[in-house]
PDB file of all heavy atoms in Angstrom:
ATOM      1  N   LEU A   1      66.960-103.187  -9.486  1.00  0.00           N
ATOM      2  CA  LEU A   1      66.601-102.929  -8.109  1.00  0.00           C
ATOM      3  C   LEU A   1      67.787-102.257  -7.434  1.00  0.00           C
ATOM      4  O   LEU A   1      68.933-102.463  -7.832  1.00  0.00           O
ATOM      5  CB  LEU A   1      66.262-104.209  -7.342  1.00  0.00           C
ATOM      6  CG  LEU A   1      64.936-104.908  -7.620  1.00  0.00           C
ATOM      7  CD1 LEU A   1      64.904-106.246  -6.879  1.00  0.00           C
ATOM      8  CD2 LEU A   1      63.769-104.036  -7.195  1.00  0.00           C
ATOM      9  N   ARG A   2      67.498-101.476  -6.414  1.00  0.00           N
ATOM     10  CA  ARG A   2      68.553-100.916  -5.591  1.00  0.00           C
ATOM     11  C   ARG A   2      68.306-101.283  -4.143  1.00  0.00           C
ATOM     12  O   ARG A   2      67.272-100.925  -3.574  1.00  0.00           O
ATOM     13  CB  ARG A   2      68.659 -99.394  -5.728  1.00  0.00           C
ATOM     14  CG  ARG A   2      69.906 -98.848  -5.020  1.00  0.00           C
ATOM     15  CD  ARG A   2      70.128 -97.378  -5.234  1.00  0.00           C
ATOM     16  NE  ARG A   2      69.259 -96.559  -4.397  1.00  0.00           N
ATOM     17  CZ  ARG A   2      69.557 -95.322  -3.994  1.00  0.00           C
ATOM     18  NH1 ARG A   2      70.709 -94.768  -4.362  1.00  0.00           N
ATOM     19  NH2 ARG A   2      68.691 -94.648  -3.259  1.00  0.00           N
ATOM     20  N   LEU A   3      69.255-101.985  -3.566  1.00  0.00           N
ATOM     21  CA  LEU A   3      69.199-102.341  -2.170  1.00  0.00           C
ATOM     22  C   LEU A   3      69.923-101.285  -1.343  1.00  0.00           C
ATOM     23  O   LEU A   3      70.912-100.708  -1.788  1.00  0.00           O
ATOM     24  CB  LEU A   3      69.840-103.702  -1.920  1.00  0.00           C
ATOM     25  CG  LEU A   3      69.334-104.876  -2.757  1.00  0.00           C
ATOM     26  CD1 LEU A   3      70.045-106.158  -2.336  1.00  0.00           C
ATOM     27  CD2 LEU A   3      67.829-105.016  -2.641  1.00  0.00           C
ATOM     28  N   ALA A   4      69.439-101.052  -0.156  1.00  0.00           N
ATOM     29  CA  ALA A   4      70.079-100.124   0.758  1.00  0.00           C
ATOM     30  C   ALA A   4      70.191-100.770   2.128  1.00  0.00           C
ATOM     31  O   ALA A   4      69.323-101.543   2.540  1.00  0.00           O
ATOM     32  CB  ALA A   4      69.296 -98.817   0.862  1.00  0.00           C
ATOM     33  N   CYS A   5      71.248-100.449   2.820  1.00  0.00           N
ATOM     34  CA  CYS A   5      71.470-100.965   4.161  1.00  0.00           C
ATOM     35  C   CYS A   5      72.053 -99.855   5.012  1.00  0.00           C
ATOM     36  O   CYS A   5      73.119 -99.318   4.684  1.00  0.00           O
ATOM     37  CB  CYS A   5      72.413-102.163   4.129  1.00  0.00           C
ATOM     38  SG  CYS A   5      72.978-102.738   5.745  1.00  0.00           S
ATOM     39  N   THR A   6      71.369 -99.523   6.081  1.00  0.00           N
ATOM     40  CA  THR A   6      71.839 -98.511   7.003  1.00  0.00           C
ATOM     41  C   THR A   6      72.384 -99.182   8.252  1.00  0.00           C
ATOM     42  O   THR A   6      71.715-100.025   8.858  1.00  0.00           O
ATOM     43  CB  THR A   6      70.717 -97.531   7.373  1.00  0.00           C
ATOM     44  OG1 THR A   6      70.282 -96.847   6.201  1.00  0.00           O
ATOM     45  CG2 THR A   6      71.213 -96.505   8.381  1.00  0.00           C
ATOM     46  N   VAL A   7      73.589 -98.811   8.609  1.00  0.00           N
ATOM     47  CA  VAL A   7      74.262 -99.360   9.774  1.00  0.00           C
ATOM     48  C   VAL A   7      74.162 -98.352  10.903  1.00  0.00           C
ATOM     49  O   VAL A   7      74.553 -97.196  10.748  1.00  0.00           O
ATOM     50  CB  VAL A   7      75.730 -99.686   9.481  1.00  0.00           C
ATOM     51  CG1 VAL A   7      76.384-100.353  10.687  1.00  0.00           C
ATOM     52  CG2 VAL A   7      75.849-100.572   8.253  1.00  0.00           C
ATOM     53  N   SER A   8      73.660 -98.786  12.027  1.00  0.00           N
ATOM     54  CA  SER A   8      73.529 -97.916  13.183  1.00  0.00           C
ATOM     55  C   SER A   8      74.238 -98.529  14.377  1.00  0.00           C
ATOM     56  O   SER A   8      74.592 -99.701  14.379  1.00  0.00           O
ATOM     57  CB  SER A   8      72.059 -97.644  13.518  1.00  0.00           C
ATOM     58  OG  SER A   8      71.390 -98.849  13.857  1.00  0.00           O
ATOM     59  N   GLY A   9      74.411 -97.721  15.396  1.00  0.00           N
ATOM     60  CA  GLY A   9      75.124 -98.168  16.569  1.00  0.00           C
ATOM     61  C   GLY A   9      76.578 -97.772  16.493  1.00  0.00           C
ATOM     62  O   GLY A   9      76.929 -96.715  15.972  1.00  0.00           O
ATOM     63  N   SER A  10      77.421 -98.628  16.987  1.00  0.00           N
ATOM     64  CA  SER A  10      78.857 -98.364  17.011  1.00  0.00           C
ATOM     65  C   SER A  10      79.460 -98.739  15.667  1.00  0.00           C
ATOM     66  O   SER A  10      79.770 -99.906  15.408  1.00  0.00           O
ATOM     67  CB  SER A  10      79.514 -99.150  18.144  1.00  0.00           C
ATOM     68  OG  SER A  10      80.899 -98.860  18.227  1.00  0.00           O
ATOM     69  N   THR A  11      79.617 -97.737  14.815  1.00  0.00           N
ATOM     70  CA  THR A  11      80.057 -97.989  13.445  1.00  0.00           C
ATOM     71  C   THR A  11      81.527 -97.700  13.211  1.00  0.00           C
ATOM     72  O   THR A  11      82.003 -97.856  12.084  1.00  0.00           O
ATOM     73  CB  THR A  11      79.226 -97.163  12.457  1.00  0.00           C
ATOM     74  OG1 THR A  11      79.408 -95.773  12.725  1.00  0.00           O
ATOM     75  CG2 THR A  11      77.744 -97.509  12.574  1.00  0.00           C
ATOM     76  N   PHE A  12      82.234 -97.278  14.238  1.00  0.00           N
ATOM     77  CA  PHE A  12      83.636 -96.964  14.031  1.00  0.00           C
ATOM     78  C   PHE A  12      84.413 -98.200  13.630  1.00  0.00           C
ATOM     79  O   PHE A  12      84.124 -99.316  14.057  1.00  0.00           O
ATOM     80  CB  PHE A  12      84.236 -96.328  15.293  1.00  0.00           C
ATOM     81  CG  PHE A  12      84.253 -97.225  16.499  1.00  0.00           C
ATOM     82  CD1 PHE A  12      85.319 -98.075  16.737  1.00  0.00           C
ATOM     83  CD2 PHE A  12      83.204 -97.217  17.398  1.00  0.00           C
ATOM     84  CE1 PHE A  12      85.347 -98.897  17.845  1.00  0.00           C
ATOM     85  CE2 PHE A  12      83.210 -98.032  18.512  1.00  0.00           C
ATOM     86  CZ  PHE A  12      84.282 -98.876  18.734  1.00  0.00           C
ATOM     87  N   SER A  13      85.394 -97.990  12.781  1.00  0.00           N
ATOM     88  CA  SER A  13      86.273 -99.036  12.275  1.00  0.00           C
ATOM     89  C   SER A  13      85.548-100.089  11.435  1.00  0.00           C
ATOM     90  O   SER A  13      86.079-101.174  11.215  1.00  0.00           O
ATOM     91  CB  SER A  13      87.033 -99.713  13.417  1.00  0.00           C
ATOM     92  OG  SER A  13      87.868 -98.796  14.092  1.00  0.00           O
ATOM     93  N   MET A  14      84.331 -99.765  10.966  1.00  0.00           N
ATOM     94  CA  MET A  14      83.644-100.638  10.019  1.00  0.00           C
ATOM     95  C   MET A  14      84.243-100.382   8.642  1.00  0.00           C
ATOM     96  O   MET A  14      83.672 -99.676   7.818  1.00  0.00           O
ATOM     97  CB  MET A  14      82.147-100.369  10.026  1.00  0.00           C
ATOM     98  CG  MET A  14      81.449-100.745  11.317  1.00  0.00           C
ATOM     99  SD  MET A  14      81.363-102.534  11.548  1.00  0.00           S
ATOM    100  CE  MET A  14      80.192-102.639  12.907  1.00  0.00           C
ATOM    101  N   ASN A  15      85.387-100.965   8.420  1.00  0.00           N
ATOM    102  CA  ASN A  15      86.156-100.645   7.226  1.00  0.00           C
ATOM    103  C   ASN A  15      85.549-101.221   5.954  1.00  0.00           C
ATOM    104  O   ASN A  15      85.635-100.606   4.891  1.00  0.00           O
ATOM    105  CB  ASN A  15      87.589-101.145   7.384  1.00  0.00           C
ATOM    106  CG  ASN A  15      88.485-100.734   6.241  1.00  0.00           C
ATOM    107  OD1 ASN A  15      88.510 -99.560   5.848  1.00  0.00           O
ATOM    108  ND2 ASN A  15      89.230-101.682   5.693  1.00  0.00           N
ATOM    109  N   ILE A  16      84.952-102.388   6.052  1.00  0.00           N
ATOM    110  CA  ILE A  16      84.443-103.084   4.878  1.00  0.00           C
ATOM    111  C   ILE A  16      82.954-103.323   5.025  1.00  0.00           C
ATOM    112  O   ILE A  16      82.497-103.874   6.024  1.00  0.00           O
ATOM    113  CB  ILE A  16      85.177-104.417   4.662  1.00  0.00           C
ATOM    114  CG1 ILE A  16      86.681-104.174   4.491  1.00  0.00           C
ATOM    115  CG2 ILE A  16      84.615-105.150   3.450  1.00  0.00           C
ATOM    116  CD1 ILE A  16      87.504-105.445   4.414  1.00  0.00           C
ATOM    117  N   LEU A  17      82.217-102.914   4.019  1.00  0.00           N
ATOM    118  CA  LEU A  17      80.800-103.213   3.917  1.00  0.00           C
ATOM    119  C   LEU A  17      80.584-104.085   2.688  1.00  0.00           C
ATOM    120  O   LEU A  17      81.276-103.930   1.683  1.00  0.00           O
ATOM    121  CB  LEU A  17      79.961-101.945   3.808  1.00  0.00           C
ATOM    122  CG  LEU A  17      80.047-100.959   4.978  1.00  0.00           C
ATOM    123  CD1 LEU A  17      79.259 -99.697   4.659  1.00  0.00           C
ATOM    124  CD2 LEU A  17      79.530-101.604   6.260  1.00  0.00           C
ATOM    125  N   GLY A  18      79.627-104.979   2.772  1.00  0.00           N
ATOM    126  CA  GLY A  18      79.403-105.864   1.650  1.00  0.00           C
ATOM    127  C   GLY A  18      77.990-106.378   1.566  1.00  0.00           C
ATOM    128  O   GLY A  18      77.183-106.199   2.486  1.00  0.00           O
ATOM    129  N   TRP A  19      77.714-106.997   0.446  1.00  0.00           N
ATOM    130  CA  TRP A  19      76.452-107.664   0.206  1.00  0.00           C
ATOM    131  C   TRP A  19      76.722-109.123  -0.120  1.00  0.00           C
ATOM    132  O   TRP A  19      77.543-109.431  -0.988  1.00  0.00           O
ATOM    133  CB  TRP A  19      75.680-107.017  -0.946  1.00  0.00           C
ATOM    134  CG  TRP A  19      75.108-105.673  -0.613  1.00  0.00           C
ATOM    135  CD1 TRP A  19      75.667-104.459  -0.849  1.00  0.00           C
ATOM    136  CD2 TRP A  19      73.849-105.425   0.015  1.00  0.00           C
ATOM    137  NE1 TRP A  19      74.835-103.460  -0.405  1.00  0.00           N
ATOM    138  CE2 TRP A  19      73.713-104.031   0.127  1.00  0.00           C
ATOM    139  CE3 TRP A  19      72.823-106.247   0.488  1.00  0.00           C
ATOM    140  CZ2 TRP A  19      72.586-103.429   0.696  1.00  0.00           C
ATOM    141  CZ3 TRP A  19      71.715-105.648   1.057  1.00  0.00           C
ATOM    142  CH2 TRP A  19      71.604-104.262   1.150  1.00  0.00           C
ATOM    143  N   TYR A  20      76.055-109.981   0.599  1.00  0.00           N
ATOM    144  CA  TYR A  20      76.070-111.410   0.334  1.00  0.00           C
ATOM    145  C   TYR A  20      74.693-111.834  -0.155  1.00  0.00           C
ATOM    146  O   TYR A  20      73.701-111.121   0.036  1.00  0.00           O
ATOM    147  CB  TYR A  20      76.402-112.202   1.597  1.00  0.00           C
ATOM    148  CG  TYR A  20      77.835-112.107   2.069  1.00  0.00           C
ATOM    149  CD1 TYR A  20      78.333-110.942   2.646  1.00  0.00           C
ATOM    150  CD2 TYR A  20      78.688-113.207   1.954  1.00  0.00           C
ATOM    151  CE1 TYR A  20      79.640-110.867   3.091  1.00  0.00           C
ATOM    152  CE2 TYR A  20      79.998-113.137   2.407  1.00  0.00           C
ATOM    153  CZ  TYR A  20      80.464-111.965   2.970  1.00  0.00           C
ATOM    154  OH  TYR A  20      81.768-111.895   3.420  1.00  0.00           O
ATOM    155  N   ARG A  21      74.642-112.994  -0.767  1.00  0.00           N
ATOM    156  CA  ARG A  21      73.353-113.561  -1.134  1.00  0.00           C
ATOM    157  C   ARG A  21      73.379-115.061  -0.916  1.00  0.00           C
ATOM    158  O   ARG A  21      74.433-115.692  -0.963  1.00  0.00           O
ATOM    159  CB  ARG A  21      72.972-113.232  -2.576  1.00  0.00           C
ATOM    160  CG  ARG A  21      73.852-113.872  -3.632  1.00  0.00           C
ATOM    161  CD  ARG A  21      73.478-113.357  -5.010  1.00  0.00           C
ATOM    162  NE  ARG A  21      74.309-113.932  -6.062  1.00  0.00           N
ATOM    163  CZ  ARG A  21      74.289-113.531  -7.324  1.00  0.00           C
ATOM    164  NH1 ARG A  21      73.473-112.547  -7.705  1.00  0.00           N
ATOM    165  NH2 ARG A  21      75.074-114.119  -8.220  1.00  0.00           N
ATOM    166  N   GLN A  22      72.208-115.600  -0.680  1.00  0.00           N
ATOM    167  CA  GLN A  22      72.080-117.029  -0.466  1.00  0.00           C
ATOM    168  C   GLN A  22      70.796-117.516  -1.115  1.00  0.00           C
ATOM    169  O   GLN A  22      69.703-117.078  -0.750  1.00  0.00           O
ATOM    170  CB  GLN A  22      72.079-117.368   1.022  1.00  0.00           C
ATOM    171  CG  GLN A  22      72.133-118.852   1.310  1.00  0.00           C
ATOM    172  CD  GLN A  22      72.467-119.140   2.761  1.00  0.00           C
ATOM    173  OE1 GLN A  22      72.219-118.323   3.645  1.00  0.00           O
ATOM    174  NE2 GLN A  22      73.043-120.304   3.015  1.00  0.00           N
ATOM    175  N   ALA A  23      70.951-118.393  -2.072  1.00  0.00           N
ATOM    176  CA  ALA A  23      69.823-119.038  -2.714  1.00  0.00           C
ATOM    177  C   ALA A  23      69.528-120.354  -2.001  1.00  0.00           C
ATOM    178  O   ALA A  23      70.412-120.924  -1.347  1.00  0.00           O
ATOM    179  CB  ALA A  23      70.121-119.282  -4.190  1.00  0.00           C
ATOM    180  N   PRO A  24      68.313-120.861  -2.110  1.00  0.00           N
ATOM    181  CA  PRO A  24      67.978-122.124  -1.448  1.00  0.00           C
ATOM    182  C   PRO A  24      68.924-123.240  -1.849  1.00  0.00           C
ATOM    183  O   PRO A  24      69.183-123.466  -3.026  1.00  0.00           O
ATOM    184  CB  PRO A  24      66.552-122.401  -1.921  1.00  0.00           C
ATOM    185  CG  PRO A  24      65.993-121.051  -2.226  1.00  0.00           C
ATOM    186  CD  PRO A  24      67.146-120.272  -2.790  1.00  0.00           C
ATOM    187  N   GLY A  25      69.445-123.933  -0.852  1.00  0.00           N
ATOM    188  CA  GLY A  25      70.344-125.040  -1.099  1.00  0.00           C
ATOM    189  C   GLY A  25      71.753-124.642  -1.473  1.00  0.00           C
ATOM    190  O   GLY A  25      72.574-125.523  -1.773  1.00  0.00           O
TER     191      GLY A  25
END
């Protein structure tokens, strides 16, 4: 699978982008 995330708005100085995940519990 390929996930995509588009960031909009005030994006200046957004130095680090990441993906987190959370499974139940």
